[in-house]
C-alpha atoms as a PDB file:
ATOM      1  CA  UNK A   1      -1.292   2.097   5.141  1.00  0.00           C
ATOM      2  CA  UNK A   2       2.508   0.149   5.731  1.00  0.00           C
ATOM      3  CA  UNK A   3       5.328   0.910   3.550  1.00  0.00           C
ATOM      4  CA  UNK A   4       8.543  -1.156   3.845  1.00  0.00           C
ATOM      5  CA  UNK A   5      10.463   0.418   0.606  1.00  0.00           C
ATOM      6  CA  UNK A   6      11.783  -1.242  -2.095  1.00  0.00           C
ATOM      7  CA  UNK A   7      13.771   1.206  -3.675  1.00  0.00           C
ATOM      8  CA  UNK A   8      11.861   1.021  -7.455  1.00  0.00           C
ATOM      9  CA  UNK A   9       9.566   3.961  -6.738  1.00  0.00           C
ATOM     10  CA  UNK A  10       6.537   2.829  -8.841  1.00  0.00           C
ATOM     11  CA  UNK A  11       4.457   3.969  -6.243  1.00  0.00           C
ATOM     12  CA  UNK A  12       5.389   7.107  -6.421  1.00  0.00           C
ATOM     13  CA  UNK A  13       4.785   7.819  -9.747  1.00  0.00           C
ATOM     14  CA  UNK A  14       1.407   5.865  -9.894  1.00  0.00           C
ATOM     15  CA  UNK A  15      -0.065   7.784  -6.477  1.00  0.00           C
ATOM     16  CA  UNK A  16      -2.728  10.078  -7.801  1.00  0.00           C
ATOM     17  CA  UNK A  17      -3.326  11.815  -4.694  1.00  0.00           C
ATOM     18  CA  UNK A  18       0.150  12.338  -4.814  1.00  0.00           C
ATOM     19  CA  UNK A  19       0.292  11.130  -1.205  1.00  0.00           C
ATOM     20  CA  UNK A  20       3.361   9.109  -1.656  1.00  0.00           C
ATOM     21  CA  UNK A  21       6.853  10.591  -1.656  1.00  0.00           C
ATOM     22  CA  UNK A  22      10.646  10.260  -2.004  1.00  0.00           C
ATOM     23  CA  UNK A  23      12.010  12.043   1.622  1.00  0.00           C
ATOM     24  CA  UNK A  24      14.717  14.112   1.725  1.00  0.00           C
ATOM     25  CA  UNK A  25      17.887  12.086   3.406  1.00  0.00           C
ATOM     26  CA  UNK A  26      19.252  12.592   7.143  1.00  0.00           C
ATOM     27  CA  UNK A  27      21.875  15.105   6.928  1.00  0.00           C
ATOM     28  CA  UNK A  28      24.734  12.720   8.121  1.00  0.00           C
ATOM     29  CA  UNK A  29      24.347   8.702   8.434  1.00  0.00           C
ATOM     30  CA  UNK A  30      24.707   9.165  12.430  1.00  0.00           C
ATOM     31  CA  UNK A  31      21.384  11.137  12.729  1.00  0.00           C
ATOM     32  CA  UNK A  32      19.796   7.628  12.092  1.00  0.00           C
ATOM     33  CA  UNK A  33      20.557   6.178  15.589  1.00  0.00           C
ATOM     34  CA  UNK A  34      20.490   2.701  13.953  1.00  0.00           C
ATOM     35  CA  UNK A  35      17.809   2.868  12.090  1.00  0.00           C
ATOM     36  CA  UNK A  36      17.228   2.242   8.582  1.00  0.00           C
ATOM     37  CA  UNK A  37      16.879   5.154   6.215  1.00  0.00           C
ATOM     38  CA  UNK A  38      13.490   5.462   4.545  1.00  0.00           C
ATOM     39  CA  UNK A  39      13.426   5.265   0.934  1.00  0.00           C
ATOM     40  CA  UNK A  40      10.021   6.793   0.554  1.00  0.00           C
ATOM     41  CA  UNK A  41       6.970   8.079   3.015  1.00  0.00           C
ATOM     42  CA  UNK A  42       3.170   8.331   2.641  1.00  0.00           C
ATOM     43  CA  UNK A  43       1.358  11.912   3.407  1.00  0.00           C
ATOM     44  CA  UNK A  44      -1.553  10.319   5.133  1.00  0.00           C
ATOM     45  CA  UNK A  45      -3.612  13.412   4.768  1.00  0.00           C
ATOM     46  CA  UNK A  46      -3.684  12.825   0.974  1.00  0.00           C
ATOM     47  CA  UNK A  47      -4.025   8.959   0.735  1.00  0.00           C
ATOM     48  CA  UNK A  48      -7.278   8.691  -0.616  1.00  0.00           C
ATOM     49  CA  UNK A  49      -6.710   4.647   0.014  1.00  0.00           C
ATOM     50  CA  UNK A  50      -7.255   3.921  -3.434  1.00  0.00           C
ATOM     51  CA  UNK A  51      -4.489   0.982  -3.656  1.00  0.00           C
ATOM     52  CA  UNK A  52      -3.338   2.174  -6.723  1.00  0.00           C
ATOM     53  CA  UNK A  53       0.620   1.504  -4.983  1.00  0.00           C
ATOM     54  CA  UNK A  54      -0.272  -1.818  -3.868  1.00  0.00           C
ATOM     55  CA  UNK A  55      -1.391  -3.244  -7.397  1.00  0.00           C
ATOM     56  CA  UNK A  56       1.726  -1.093  -8.927  1.00  0.00           C
ATOM     57  CA  UNK A  57       4.241  -2.511  -6.712  1.00  0.00           C
ATOM     58  CA  UNK A  58       6.488  -4.781  -7.889  1.00  0.00           C
ATOM     59  CA  UNK A  59       8.015  -6.567  -4.520  1.00  0.00           C
ATOM     60  CA  UNK A  60       6.446  -9.176  -2.442  1.00  0.00           C
ATOM     61  CA  UNK A  61       4.413  -7.865   0.767  1.00  0.00           C
ATOM     62  CA  UNK A  62       5.971  -4.425   0.389  1.00  0.00           C
ATOM     63  CA  UNK A  63       2.866  -2.492   0.807  1.00  0.00           C
ATOM     64  CA  UNK A  64       0.108  -2.941   3.242  1.00  0.00           C
ATOM     65  CA  UNK A  65      -3.123  -1.055   2.817  1.00  0.00           C
ATOM     66  CA  UNK A  66      -5.925  -1.803   5.324  1.00  0.00           C
ATOM     67  CA  UNK A  67      -9.345   0.061   4.966  1.00  0.00           C
ATOM     68  CA  UNK A  68     -11.128   0.432   7.791  1.00  0.00           C
ATOM     69  CA  UNK A  69     -14.888   1.669   6.999  1.00  0.00           C
ATOM     70  CA  UNK A  70     -16.222   3.084   3.948  1.00  0.00           C
ATOM     71  CA  UNK A  71     -18.748   5.679   4.042  1.00  0.00           C
ATOM     72  CA  UNK A  72     -21.851   5.632   1.943  1.00  0.00           C
ATOM     73  CA  UNK A  73     -25.375   7.783   1.867  1.00  0.00           C
ATOM     74  CA  UNK A  74     -28.635   6.004   1.711  1.00  0.00           C
ATOM     75  CA  UNK A  75     -29.236   2.061   2.837  1.00  0.00           C
ATOM     76  CA  UNK A  76     -26.597  -0.256   3.401  1.00  0.00           C
ATOM     77  CA  UNK A  77     -27.763  -3.548   0.933  1.00  0.00           C
ATOM     78  CA  UNK A  78     -26.789  -6.866   0.653  1.00  0.00           C
ATOM     79  CA  UNK A  79     -24.514  -6.154  -2.158  1.00  0.00           C
ATOM     80  CA  UNK A  80     -22.732  -2.669  -0.379  1.00  0.00           C
ATOM     81  CA  UNK A  81     -21.946  -5.048   2.631  1.00  0.00           C
ATOM     82  CA  UNK A  82     -20.356  -7.638   0.065  1.00  0.00           C
ATOM     83  CA  UNK A  83     -18.302  -4.991  -1.703  1.00  0.00           C
ATOM     84  CA  UNK A  84     -17.453  -2.890   1.777  1.00  0.00           C
ATOM     85  CA  UNK A  85     -16.501  -6.455   2.632  1.00  0.00           C
ATOM     86  CA  UNK A  86     -13.910  -6.706  -0.287  1.00  0.00           C
ATOM     87  CA  UNK A  87     -12.665  -3.427  -0.084  1.00  0.00           C
ATOM     88  CA  UNK A  88     -11.592  -3.679   3.923  1.00  0.00           C
ATOM     89  CA  UNK A  89      -9.799  -6.756   3.525  1.00  0.00           C
ATOM     90  CA  UNK A  90      -5.958  -5.682   3.850  1.00  0.00           C
ATOM     91  CA  UNK A  91      -4.203  -6.120   1.144  1.00  0.00           C
ATOM     92  CA  UNK A  92      -0.450  -6.620   0.400  1.00  0.00           C
ATOM     93  CA  UNK A  93       1.541  -5.979  -2.565  1.00  0.00           C
ATOM     94  CA  UNK A  94       0.306  -8.914  -4.714  1.00  0.00           C
ATOM     95  CA  UNK A  95       3.263 -10.226  -6.883  1.00  0.00           C
ATOM     96  CA  UNK A  96       3.989 -13.628  -5.653  1.00  0.00           C
ATOM     97  CA  UNK A  97       5.431 -15.798  -8.745  1.00  0.00           C
ATOM     98  CA  UNK A  98       4.337 -18.958  -8.312  1.00  0.00           C
ATOM     99  CA  UNK A  99       6.102 -20.320 -11.448  1.00  0.00           C
ATOM    100  CA  UNK A 100       8.058 -19.056 -14.459  1.00  0.00           C
ATOM    101  CA  UNK A 101       5.885 -16.562 -16.378  1.00  0.00           C
ATOM    102  CA  UNK A 102       2.896 -17.204 -13.895  1.00  0.00           C
ATOM    103  CA  UNK A 103       2.315 -14.475 -11.437  1.00  0.00           C
ATOM    104  CA  UNK A 104      -0.488 -15.274  -8.622  1.00  0.00           C
ATOM    105  CA  UNK A 105      -2.435 -12.676  -7.132  1.00  0.00           C
ATOM    106  CA  UNK A 106      -1.721 -12.743  -3.066  1.00  0.00           C
ATOM    107  CA  UNK A 107      -4.221 -11.673  -0.352  1.00  0.00           C
ATOM    108  CA  UNK A 108      -3.263 -10.820   3.229  1.00  0.00           C
ATOM    109  CA  UNK A 109      -3.875 -13.611   5.805  1.00  0.00           C
ATOM    110  CA  UNK A 110      -6.564 -12.450   8.689  1.00  0.00           C
ATOM    111  CA  UNK A 111      -5.238 -12.529  12.093  1.00  0.00           C
END
């Protein structure tokens, strides 16, 4: 998961695993050495890749979620393979205003 923070912290509030948090700011700006100060951070050990942060994010292309595999017990049926394909498709923050009062869901382009 990649996050380019917008600063609203909606993702922190909706994360069911408490994997997204507001990091402690550095003591001084000189400690950043030309880097941008991170607004939010992700504890990858807690992240369950549920996508709640991606769905809740009000910005466009702020959070990127990519699942690489799904573990399942039993036989991999055709239905499972279709679901797996959808779940493993990279997603990004989905707000894209096409026209006034109209929001379009946006999927990432495959490379």
